[in-house]
């Protein structure tokens, strides 16, 4: 028996795929742990209690869907507005860096 030759599919040359930009995003496998730590950080914050769940949800959605940089910008915007304290903001930045991955 002879060698089988692999036949190319008709239709011309194969497509060349370009690489996409890699973005820092929240690691999906650790979302539960991230959320737990973020809520724990927010317990020490002086933010109004009715704004805390909304803030946590916004940070979580921005970090997992858009990018970690968008979430950090959101935290910085709230720091500028006076709704968040500087030490809490730094802790959230460290937490975002810790649970980020490149996707």
PDB file of N, CA and C in Angstrom:
ATOM      1  N   UNK A   1       0.841  -1.173   0.000  1.00  0.00           N
ATOM      2  CA  UNK A   1       0.000   0.000   0.000  1.00  0.00           C
ATOM      3  C   UNK A   1       0.883   1.232   0.000  1.00  0.00           C
ATOM      4  N   UNK A   2       0.482   2.175  -0.766  1.00  0.00           N
ATOM      5  CA  UNK A   2       1.240   3.398  -0.875  1.00  0.00           C
ATOM      6  C   UNK A   2       0.754   4.450   0.111  1.00  0.00           C
ATOM      7  N   UNK A   3       1.460   5.557   0.131  1.00  0.00           N
ATOM      8  CA  UNK A   3       1.076   6.667   1.012  1.00  0.00           C
ATOM      9  C   UNK A   3      -0.185   7.333   0.496  1.00  0.00           C
ATOM     10  N   UNK A   4      -1.014   7.754   1.448  1.00  0.00           N
ATOM     11  CA  UNK A   4      -2.181   8.548   1.057  1.00  0.00           C
ATOM     12  C   UNK A   4      -1.767  10.003   1.049  1.00  0.00           C
ATOM     13  N   UNK A   5      -2.112  10.674   0.006  1.00  0.00           N
ATOM     14  CA  UNK A   5      -1.795  12.095  -0.094  1.00  0.00           C
ATOM     15  C   UNK A   5      -2.976  12.901   0.417  1.00  0.00           C
ATOM     16  N   UNK A   6      -2.675  13.845   1.227  1.00  0.00           N
ATOM     17  CA  UNK A   6      -3.711  14.713   1.751  1.00  0.00           C
ATOM     18  C   UNK A   6      -4.095  15.698   0.659  1.00  0.00           C
ATOM     19  N   UNK A   7      -5.368  15.781   0.424  1.00  0.00           N
ATOM     20  CA  UNK A   7      -5.849  16.683  -0.619  1.00  0.00           C
ATOM     21  C   UNK A   7      -6.295  17.987   0.016  1.00  0.00           C
ATOM     22  N   UNK A   8      -5.922  19.066  -0.585  1.00  0.00           N
ATOM     23  CA  UNK A   8      -6.368  20.376  -0.122  1.00  0.00           C
ATOM     24  C   UNK A   8      -7.799  20.612  -0.562  1.00  0.00           C
ATOM     25  N   UNK A   9      -8.525  21.314   0.267  1.00  0.00           N
ATOM     26  CA  UNK A   9      -9.899  21.631  -0.090  1.00  0.00           C
ATOM     27  C   UNK A   9      -9.894  22.651  -1.219  1.00  0.00           C
ATOM     28  N   UNK A  10     -10.822  22.538  -2.106  1.00  0.00           N
ATOM     29  CA  UNK A  10     -10.878  23.516  -3.201  1.00  0.00           C
ATOM     30  C   UNK A  10     -11.317  24.876  -2.673  1.00  0.00           C
ATOM     31  N   UNK A  11     -10.971  25.910  -3.366  1.00  0.00           N
ATOM     32  CA  UNK A  11     -11.406  27.240  -2.960  1.00  0.00           C
ATOM     33  C   UNK A  11     -10.260  28.199  -2.756  1.00  0.00           C
ATOM     34  N   UNK A  12      -9.096  27.831  -3.098  1.00  0.00           N
ATOM     35  CA  UNK A  12      -7.982  28.765  -3.021  1.00  0.00           C
ATOM     36  C   UNK A  12      -7.198  28.642  -1.737  1.00  0.00           C
ATOM     37  N   UNK A  13      -6.330  29.624  -1.520  1.00  0.00           N
ATOM     38  CA  UNK A  13      -5.472  29.562  -0.334  1.00  0.00           C
ATOM     39  C   UNK A  13      -6.275  29.762   0.950  1.00  0.00           C
ATOM     40  N   UNK A  14      -5.718  29.280   2.028  1.00  0.00           N
ATOM     41  CA  UNK A  14      -6.386  29.392   3.321  1.00  0.00           C
ATOM     42  C   UNK A  14      -6.296  30.821   3.846  1.00  0.00           C
ATOM     43  N   UNK A  15      -7.265  31.175   4.686  1.00  0.00           N
ATOM     44  CA  UNK A  15      -7.302  32.528   5.237  1.00  0.00           C
ATOM     45  C   UNK A  15      -6.182  32.716   6.247  1.00  0.00           C
ATOM     46  N   UNK A  16      -5.642  33.898   6.260  1.00  0.00           N
ATOM     47  CA  UNK A  16      -4.660  34.269   7.269  1.00  0.00           C
ATOM     48  C   UNK A  16      -5.398  35.041   8.353  1.00  0.00           C
ATOM     49  N   UNK A  17      -5.323  34.558   9.570  1.00  0.00           N
ATOM     50  CA  UNK A  17      -5.996  35.209  10.680  1.00  0.00           C
ATOM     51  C   UNK A  17      -5.033  36.158  11.378  1.00  0.00           C
ATOM     52  N   UNK A  18      -5.518  37.348  11.658  1.00  0.00           N
ATOM     53  CA  UNK A  18      -4.692  38.308  12.379  1.00  0.00           C
ATOM     54  C   UNK A  18      -4.940  38.139  13.873  1.00  0.00           C
ATOM     55  N   UNK A  19      -3.934  38.369  14.653  1.00  0.00           N
ATOM     56  CA  UNK A  19      -4.099  38.232  16.088  1.00  0.00           C
ATOM     57  C   UNK A  19      -4.879  39.428  16.631  1.00  0.00           C
ATOM     58  N   UNK A  20      -5.680  39.158  17.634  1.00  0.00           N
ATOM     59  CA  UNK A  20      -6.457  40.228  18.246  1.00  0.00           C
ATOM     60  C   UNK A  20      -5.666  40.814  19.407  1.00  0.00           C
ATOM     61  N   UNK A  21      -6.045  41.997  19.801  1.00  0.00           N
ATOM     62  CA  UNK A  21      -5.388  42.627  20.941  1.00  0.00           C
ATOM     63  C   UNK A  21      -5.757  41.885  22.217  1.00  0.00           C
ATOM     64  N   UNK A  22      -4.793  41.686  23.062  1.00  0.00           N
ATOM     65  CA  UNK A  22      -5.016  41.015  24.328  1.00  0.00           C
ATOM     66  C   UNK A  22      -5.335  42.081  25.375  1.00  0.00           C
ATOM     67  N   UNK A  23      -6.418  41.869  26.119  1.00  0.00           N
ATOM     68  CA  UNK A  23      -6.905  42.853  27.079  1.00  0.00           C
ATOM     69  C   UNK A  23      -6.920  42.213  28.462  1.00  0.00           C
ATOM     70  N   UNK A  24      -6.560  42.991  29.468  1.00  0.00           N
ATOM     71  CA  UNK A  24      -6.661  42.510  30.847  1.00  0.00           C
ATOM     72  C   UNK A  24      -8.124  42.498  31.263  1.00  0.00           C
ATOM     73  N   UNK A  25      -8.607  41.326  31.631  1.00  0.00           N
ATOM     74  CA  UNK A  25      -9.989  41.186  32.063  1.00  0.00           C
ATOM     75  C   UNK A  25     -10.028  40.351  33.330  1.00  0.00           C
ATOM     76  N   UNK A  26     -11.172  40.328  33.963  1.00  0.00           N
ATOM     77  CA  UNK A  26     -11.343  39.568  35.195  1.00  0.00           C
ATOM     78  C   UNK A  26     -11.303  38.082  34.874  1.00  0.00           C
ATOM     79  N   UNK A  27     -10.595  37.315  35.695  1.00  0.00           N
ATOM     80  CA  UNK A  27     -10.521  35.873  35.523  1.00  0.00           C
ATOM     81  C   UNK A  27     -11.877  35.269  35.875  1.00  0.00           C
ATOM     82  N   UNK A  28     -12.538  34.673  34.908  1.00  0.00           N
ATOM     83  CA  UNK A  28     -13.898  34.172  35.074  1.00  0.00           C
ATOM     84  C   UNK A  28     -13.962  33.048  36.110  1.00  0.00           C
ATOM     85  N   UNK A  29     -12.894  32.274  36.232  1.00  0.00           N
ATOM     86  CA  UNK A  29     -12.901  31.138  37.139  1.00  0.00           C
ATOM     87  C   UNK A  29     -12.911  31.560  38.611  1.00  0.00           C
ATOM     88  N   UNK A  30     -12.551  32.809  38.884  1.00  0.00           N
ATOM     89  CA  UNK A  30     -12.461  33.270  40.272  1.00  0.00           C
ATOM     90  C   UNK A  30     -13.446  34.401  40.575  1.00  0.00           C
ATOM     91  N   UNK A  31     -14.540  34.458  39.842  1.00  0.00           N
ATOM     92  CA  UNK A  31     -15.504  35.549  40.018  1.00  0.00           C
ATOM     93  C   UNK A  31     -16.120  35.518  41.424  1.00  0.00           C
ATOM     94  N   UNK A  32     -16.452  34.337  41.909  1.00  0.00           N
ATOM     95  CA  UNK A  32     -17.064  34.231  43.237  1.00  0.00           C
ATOM     96  C   UNK A  32     -16.141  34.722  44.341  1.00  0.00           C
ATOM     97  N   UNK A  33     -14.872  34.344  44.267  1.00  0.00           N
ATOM     98  CA  UNK A  33     -13.906  34.770  45.274  1.00  0.00           C
ATOM     99  C   UNK A  33     -13.664  36.275  45.163  1.00  0.00           C
ATOM    100  N   UNK A  34     -13.574  36.782  43.924  1.00  0.00           N
ATOM    101  CA  UNK A  34     -13.392  38.219  43.709  1.00  0.00           C
ATOM    102  C   UNK A  34     -14.554  38.996  44.311  1.00  0.00           C
ATOM    103  N   UNK A  35     -15.760  38.525  44.064  1.00  0.00           N
ATOM    104  CA  UNK A  35     -16.949  39.200  44.575  1.00  0.00           C
ATOM    105  C   UNK A  35     -16.964  39.200  46.103  1.00  0.00           C
ATOM    106  N   UNK A  36     -16.572  38.087  46.700  1.00  0.00           N
ATOM    107  CA  UNK A  36     -16.515  37.987  48.153  1.00  0.00           C
ATOM    108  C   UNK A  36     -15.535  39.021  48.722  1.00  0.00           C
ATOM    109  N   UNK A  37     -14.335  39.098  48.149  1.00  0.00           N
ATOM    110  CA  UNK A  37     -13.324  40.036  48.639  1.00  0.00           C
ATOM    111  C   UNK A  37     -13.744  41.486  48.412  1.00  0.00           C
ATOM    112  N   UNK A  38     -14.386  41.743  47.267  1.00  0.00           N
ATOM    113  CA  UNK A  38     -14.845  43.107  46.980  1.00  0.00           C
ATOM    114  C   UNK A  38     -15.922  43.538  47.979  1.00  0.00           C
ATOM    115  N   UNK A  39     -16.849  42.647  48.299  1.00  0.00           N
ATOM    116  CA  UNK A  39     -17.878  42.970  49.296  1.00  0.00           C
ATOM    117  C   UNK A  39     -17.257  43.175  50.671  1.00  0.00           C
ATOM    118  N   UNK A  40     -16.224  42.384  50.976  1.00  0.00           N
ATOM    119  CA  UNK A  40     -15.537  42.518  52.258  1.00  0.00           C
ATOM    120  C   UNK A  40     -14.839  43.875  52.353  1.00  0.00           C
ATOM    121  N   UNK A  41     -14.237  44.318  51.264  1.00  0.00           N
ATOM    122  CA  UNK A  41     -13.594  45.638  51.236  1.00  0.00           C
ATOM    123  C   UNK A  41     -14.648  46.733  51.409  1.00  0.00           C
ATOM    124  N   UNK A  42     -15.780  46.565  50.765  1.00  0.00           N
ATOM    125  CA  UNK A  42     -16.824  47.587  50.805  1.00  0.00           C
ATOM    126  C   UNK A  42     -17.498  47.697  52.173  1.00  0.00           C
ATOM    127  N   UNK A  43     -17.388  46.662  53.007  1.00  0.00           N
ATOM    128  CA  UNK A  43     -17.938  46.762  54.366  1.00  0.00           C
ATOM    129  C   UNK A  43     -17.233  47.851  55.162  1.00  0.00           C
ATOM    130  N   UNK A  44     -15.956  48.081  54.888  1.00  0.00           N
ATOM    131  CA  UNK A  44     -15.200  49.107  55.600  1.00  0.00           C
ATOM    132  C   UNK A  44     -15.331  50.482  54.987  1.00  0.00           C
ATOM    133  N   UNK A  45     -16.070  50.598  53.919  1.00  0.00           N
ATOM    134  CA  UNK A  45     -16.227  51.874  53.236  1.00  0.00           C
ATOM    135  C   UNK A  45     -17.326  52.711  53.877  1.00  0.00           C
ATOM    136  N   UNK A  46     -17.209  54.014  53.708  1.00  0.00           N
ATOM    137  CA  UNK A  46     -18.227  54.929  54.226  1.00  0.00           C
ATOM    138  C   UNK A  46     -19.286  55.270  53.179  1.00  0.00           C
ATOM    139  N   UNK A  47     -19.275  54.553  52.070  1.00  0.00           N
ATOM    140  CA  UNK A  47     -20.277  54.765  51.028  1.00  0.00           C
ATOM    141  C   UNK A  47     -21.658  54.395  51.578  1.00  0.00           C
ATOM    142  N   UNK A  48     -22.686  55.062  51.069  1.00  0.00           N
ATOM    143  CA  UNK A  48     -24.047  54.764  51.519  1.00  0.00           C
ATOM    144  C   UNK A  48     -24.377  53.302  51.237  1.00  0.00           C
ATOM    145  N   UNK A  49     -25.130  52.704  52.148  1.00  0.00           N
ATOM    146  CA  UNK A  49     -25.445  51.282  52.037  1.00  0.00           C
ATOM    147  C   UNK A  49     -26.264  50.942  50.794  1.00  0.00           C
ATOM    148  N   UNK A  50     -27.112  51.863  50.343  1.00  0.00           N
ATOM    149  CA  UNK A  50     -27.913  51.571  49.157  1.00  0.00           C
ATOM    150  C   UNK A  50     -27.103  51.678  47.868  1.00  0.00           C
ATOM    151  N   UNK A  51     -25.917  52.313  47.895  1.00  0.00           N
ATOM    152  CA  UNK A  51     -25.066  52.423  46.710  1.00  0.00           C
ATOM    153  C   UNK A  51     -24.047  51.287  46.595  1.00  0.00           C
ATOM    154  N   UNK A  52     -23.770  50.611  47.694  1.00  0.00           N
ATOM    155  CA  UNK A  52     -22.737  49.566  47.689  1.00  0.00           C
ATOM    156  C   UNK A  52     -23.033  48.411  46.729  1.00  0.00           C
ATOM    157  N   UNK A  53     -24.246  47.818  46.741  1.00  0.00           N
ATOM    158  CA  UNK A  53     -24.489  46.709  45.803  1.00  0.00           C
ATOM    159  C   UNK A  53     -24.394  47.135  44.338  1.00  0.00           C
ATOM    160  N   UNK A  54     -24.839  48.347  44.047  1.00  0.00           N
ATOM    161  CA  UNK A  54     -24.748  48.856  42.684  1.00  0.00           C
ATOM    162  C   UNK A  54     -23.299  49.041  42.276  1.00  0.00           C
ATOM    163  N   UNK A  55     -22.485  49.569  43.184  1.00  0.00           N
ATOM    164  CA  UNK A  55     -21.067  49.766  42.912  1.00  0.00           C
ATOM    165  C   UNK A  55     -20.375  48.433  42.663  1.00  0.00           C
ATOM    166  N   UNK A  56     -20.650  47.434  43.508  1.00  0.00           N
ATOM    167  CA  UNK A  56     -20.037  46.115  43.346  1.00  0.00           C
ATOM    168  C   UNK A  56     -20.439  45.509  42.003  1.00  0.00           C
ATOM    169  N   UNK A  57     -21.714  45.611  41.643  1.00  0.00           N
ATOM    170  CA  UNK A  57     -22.191  45.063  40.372  1.00  0.00           C
ATOM    171  C   UNK A  57     -21.544  45.775  39.188  1.00  0.00           C
ATOM    172  N   UNK A  58     -21.391  47.097  39.263  1.00  0.00           N
ATOM    173  CA  UNK A  58     -20.773  47.842  38.167  1.00  0.00           C
ATOM    174  C   UNK A  58     -19.304  47.481  37.998  1.00  0.00           C
ATOM    175  N   UNK A  59     -18.572  47.378  39.092  1.00  0.00           N
ATOM    176  CA  UNK A  59     -17.158  47.009  39.014  1.00  0.00           C
ATOM    177  C   UNK A  59     -17.025  45.602  38.440  1.00  0.00           C
ATOM    178  N   UNK A  60     -17.860  44.690  38.898  1.00  0.00           N
ATOM    179  CA  UNK A  60     -17.813  43.312  38.426  1.00  0.00           C
ATOM    180  C   UNK A  60     -18.125  43.215  36.931  1.00  0.00           C
ATOM    181  N   UNK A  61     -19.141  43.924  36.484  1.00  0.00           N
ATOM    182  CA  UNK A  61     -19.505  43.849  35.069  1.00  0.00           C
ATOM    183  C   UNK A  61     -18.466  44.526  34.176  1.00  0.00           C
ATOM    184  N   UNK A  62     -17.926  45.667  34.606  1.00  0.00           N
ATOM    185  CA  UNK A  62     -16.912  46.344  33.805  1.00  0.00           C
ATOM    186  C   UNK A  62     -15.635  45.511  33.714  1.00  0.00           C
ATOM    187  N   UNK A  63     -15.251  44.864  34.825  1.00  0.00           N
ATOM    188  CA  UNK A  63     -14.019  44.071  34.834  1.00  0.00           C
ATOM    189  C   UNK A  63     -14.158  42.789  34.030  1.00  0.00           C
ATOM    190  N   UNK A  64     -15.349  42.185  34.018  1.00  0.00           N
ATOM    191  CA  UNK A  64     -15.502  40.910  33.320  1.00  0.00           C
ATOM    192  C   UNK A  64     -15.905  41.077  31.860  1.00  0.00           C
ATOM    193  N   UNK A  65     -16.606  42.148  31.517  1.00  0.00           N
ATOM    194  CA  UNK A  65     -17.083  42.310  30.138  1.00  0.00           C
ATOM    195  C   UNK A  65     -16.220  43.258  29.317  1.00  0.00           C
ATOM    196  N   UNK A  66     -15.839  44.391  29.888  1.00  0.00           N
ATOM    197  CA  UNK A  66     -15.055  45.375  29.139  1.00  0.00           C
ATOM    198  C   UNK A  66     -13.568  45.130  29.347  1.00  0.00           C
ATOM    199  N   UNK A  67     -13.051  45.609  30.456  1.00  0.00           N
ATOM    200  CA  UNK A  67     -11.650  45.375  30.812  1.00  0.00           C
ATOM    201  C   UNK A  67     -11.416  45.833  32.244  1.00  0.00           C
ATOM    202  N   UNK A  68     -10.305  45.385  32.799  1.00  0.00           N
ATOM    203  CA  UNK A  68      -9.941  45.791  34.154  1.00  0.00           C
ATOM    204  C   UNK A  68      -9.642  47.285  34.177  1.00  0.00           C
ATOM    205  N   UNK A  69      -9.080  47.814  33.095  1.00  0.00           N
ATOM    206  CA  UNK A  69      -8.783  49.246  33.028  1.00  0.00           C
ATOM    207  C   UNK A  69     -10.055  50.086  33.112  1.00  0.00           C
ATOM    208  N   UNK A  70     -11.141  49.628  32.476  1.00  0.00           N
ATOM    209  CA  UNK A  70     -12.416  50.344  32.570  1.00  0.00           C
ATOM    210  C   UNK A  70     -12.938  50.339  34.006  1.00  0.00           C
ATOM    211  N   UNK A  71     -12.785  49.212  34.677  1.00  0.00           N
ATOM    212  CA  UNK A  71     -13.224  49.125  36.067  1.00  0.00           C
ATOM    213  C   UNK A  71     -12.393  50.044  36.957  1.00  0.00           C
ATOM    214  N   UNK A  72     -11.083  50.113  36.700  1.00  0.00           N
ATOM    215  CA  UNK A  72     -10.219  51.003  37.481  1.00  0.00           C
ATOM    216  C   UNK A  72     -10.566  52.463  37.219  1.00  0.00           C
ATOM    217  N   UNK A  73     -10.894  52.797  35.975  1.00  0.00           N
ATOM    218  CA  UNK A  73     -11.319  54.167  35.657  1.00  0.00           C
ATOM    219  C   UNK A  73     -12.613  54.519  36.381  1.00  0.00           C
ATOM    220  N   UNK A  74     -13.532  53.561  36.477  1.00  0.00           N
ATOM    221  CA  UNK A  74     -14.790  53.775  37.182  1.00  0.00           C
ATOM    222  C   UNK A  74     -14.536  54.034  38.669  1.00  0.00           C
ATOM    223  N   UNK A  75     -13.635  53.254  39.262  1.00  0.00           N
ATOM    224  CA  UNK A  75     -13.291  53.440  40.672  1.00  0.00           C
ATOM    225  C   UNK A  75     -12.650  54.816  40.873  1.00  0.00           C
ATOM    226  N   UNK A  76     -11.772  55.216  39.963  1.00  0.00           N
ATOM    227  CA  UNK A  76     -11.128  56.528  40.056  1.00  0.00           C
ATOM    228  C   UNK A  76     -12.140  57.667  39.917  1.00  0.00           C
ATOM    229  N   UNK A  77     -13.142  57.472  39.052  1.00  0.00           N
ATOM    230  CA  UNK A  77     -14.170  58.496  38.884  1.00  0.00           C
ATOM    231  C   UNK A  77     -14.971  58.681  40.174  1.00  0.00           C
ATOM    232  N   UNK A  78     -15.283  57.581  40.853  1.00  0.00           N
ATOM    233  CA  UNK A  78     -16.013  57.686  42.115  1.00  0.00           C
ATOM    234  C   UNK A  78     -15.136  58.281  43.211  1.00  0.00           C
ATOM    235  N   UNK A  79     -13.841  58.034  43.137  1.00  0.00           N
ATOM    236  CA  UNK A  79     -12.912  58.640  44.088  1.00  0.00           C
ATOM    237  C   UNK A  79     -12.878  60.149  43.896  1.00  0.00           C
ATOM    238  N   UNK A  80     -12.868  60.579  42.633  1.00  0.00           N
ATOM    239  CA  UNK A  80     -12.880  62.020  42.334  1.00  0.00           C
ATOM    240  C   UNK A  80     -14.163  62.687  42.810  1.00  0.00           C
ATOM    241  N   UNK A  81     -15.280  61.971  42.656  1.00  0.00           N
ATOM    242  CA  UNK A  81     -16.574  62.517  43.063  1.00  0.00           C
ATOM    243  C   UNK A  81     -16.752  62.552  44.577  1.00  0.00           C
ATOM    244  N   UNK A  82     -15.868  61.885  45.296  1.00  0.00           N
ATOM    245  CA  UNK A  82     -15.950  61.888  46.747  1.00  0.00           C
ATOM    246  C   UNK A  82     -16.838  60.793  47.319  1.00  0.00           C
ATOM    247  N   UNK A  83     -17.271  59.850  46.491  1.00  0.00           N
ATOM    248  CA  UNK A  83     -18.125  58.771  46.981  1.00  0.00           C
ATOM    249  C   UNK A  83     -17.314  57.601  47.553  1.00  0.00           C
ATOM    250  N   UNK A  84     -15.999  57.615  47.315  1.00  0.00           N
ATOM    251  CA  UNK A  84     -15.137  56.514  47.734  1.00  0.00           C
ATOM    252  C   UNK A  84     -13.880  57.090  48.355  1.00  0.00           C
ATOM    253  N   UNK A  85     -13.351  56.409  49.367  1.00  0.00           N
ATOM    254  CA  UNK A  85     -12.136  56.882  50.036  1.00  0.00           C
ATOM    255  C   UNK A  85     -10.895  56.344  49.309  1.00  0.00           C
ATOM    256  N   UNK A  86      -9.774  57.032  49.491  1.00  0.00           N
ATOM    257  CA  UNK A  86      -8.525  56.656  48.821  1.00  0.00           C
ATOM    258  C   UNK A  86      -8.014  55.276  49.242  1.00  0.00           C
ATOM    259  N   UNK A  87      -7.992  54.928  50.543  1.00  0.00           N
ATOM    260  CA  UNK A  87      -7.495  53.584  50.898  1.00  0.00           C
ATOM    261  C   UNK A  87      -8.351  52.452  50.318  1.00  0.00           C
ATOM    262  N   UNK A  88      -9.657  52.663  50.281  1.00  0.00           N
ATOM    263  CA  UNK A  88     -10.562  51.663  49.711  1.00  0.00           C
ATOM    264  C   UNK A  88     -10.303  51.533  48.211  1.00  0.00           C
ATOM    265  N   UNK A  89     -10.082  52.652  47.550  1.00  0.00           N
ATOM    266  CA  UNK A  89      -9.787  52.648  46.121  1.00  0.00           C
ATOM    267  C   UNK A  89      -8.498  51.873  45.831  1.00  0.00           C
ATOM    268  N   UNK A  90      -7.479  52.076  46.645  1.00  0.00           N
ATOM    269  CA  UNK A  90      -6.213  51.361  46.454  1.00  0.00           C
ATOM    270  C   UNK A  90      -6.398  49.856  46.654  1.00  0.00           C
ATOM    271  N   UNK A  91      -7.204  49.470  47.643  1.00  0.00           N
ATOM    272  CA  UNK A  91      -7.462  48.054  47.877  1.00  0.00           C
ATOM    273  C   UNK A  91      -8.193  47.425  46.689  1.00  0.00           C
ATOM    274  N   UNK A  92      -9.135  48.155  46.119  1.00  0.00           N
ATOM    275  CA  UNK A  92      -9.881  47.647  44.962  1.00  0.00           C
ATOM    276  C   UNK A  92      -8.954  47.519  43.758  1.00  0.00           C
ATOM    277  N   UNK A  93      -8.047  48.487  43.570  1.00  0.00           N
ATOM    278  CA  UNK A  93      -7.083  48.406  42.468  1.00  0.00           C
ATOM    279  C   UNK A  93      -6.196  47.164  42.630  1.00  0.00           C
ATOM    280  N   UNK A  94      -5.729  46.911  43.852  1.00  0.00           N
ATOM    281  CA  UNK A  94      -4.893  45.726  44.097  1.00  0.00           C
ATOM    282  C   UNK A  94      -5.678  44.441  43.836  1.00  0.00           C
ATOM    283  N   UNK A  95      -6.949  44.436  44.244  1.00  0.00           N
ATOM    284  CA  UNK A  95      -7.793  43.262  44.032  1.00  0.00           C
ATOM    285  C   UNK A  95      -8.020  43.014  42.540  1.00  0.00           C
ATOM    286  N   UNK A  96      -8.263  44.078  41.788  1.00  0.00           N
ATOM    287  CA  UNK A  96      -8.447  43.935  40.345  1.00  0.00           C
ATOM    288  C   UNK A  96      -7.173  43.414  39.683  1.00  0.00           C
ATOM    289  N   UNK A  97      -6.023  43.891  40.110  1.00  0.00           N
ATOM    290  CA  UNK A  97      -4.753  43.403  39.551  1.00  0.00           C
ATOM    291  C   UNK A  97      -4.538  41.934  39.888  1.00  0.00           C
ATOM    292  N   UNK A  98      -4.915  41.560  41.101  1.00  0.00           N
ATOM    293  CA  UNK A  98      -4.702  40.182  41.561  1.00  0.00           C
ATOM    294  C   UNK A  98      -5.565  39.178  40.787  1.00  0.00           C
ATOM    295  N   UNK A  99      -6.800  39.545  40.478  1.00  0.00           N
ATOM    296  CA  UNK A  99      -7.732  38.624  39.836  1.00  0.00           C
ATOM    297  C   UNK A  99      -7.891  38.889  38.338  1.00  0.00           C
ATOM    298  N   UNK A 100      -6.945  39.555  37.716  1.00  0.00           N
ATOM    299  CA  UNK A 100      -7.053  39.828  36.286  1.00  0.00           C
ATOM    300  C   UNK A 100      -6.246  38.802  35.502  1.00  0.00           C
ATOM    301  N   UNK A 101      -6.664  38.610  34.277  1.00  0.00           N
ATOM    302  CA  UNK A 101      -5.957  37.747  33.346  1.00  0.00           C
ATOM    303  C   UNK A 101      -6.020  38.387  31.967  1.00  0.00           C
ATOM    304  N   UNK A 102      -5.179  37.939  31.069  1.00  0.00           N
ATOM    305  CA  UNK A 102      -5.182  38.494  29.713  1.00  0.00           C
ATOM    306  C   UNK A 102      -6.025  37.616  28.806  1.00  0.00           C
ATOM    307  N   UNK A 103      -7.057  38.251  28.208  1.00  0.00           N
ATOM    308  CA  UNK A 103      -7.919  37.509  27.282  1.00  0.00           C
ATOM    309  C   UNK A 103      -7.979  38.236  25.962  1.00  0.00           C
TER     310      UNK A 103
END
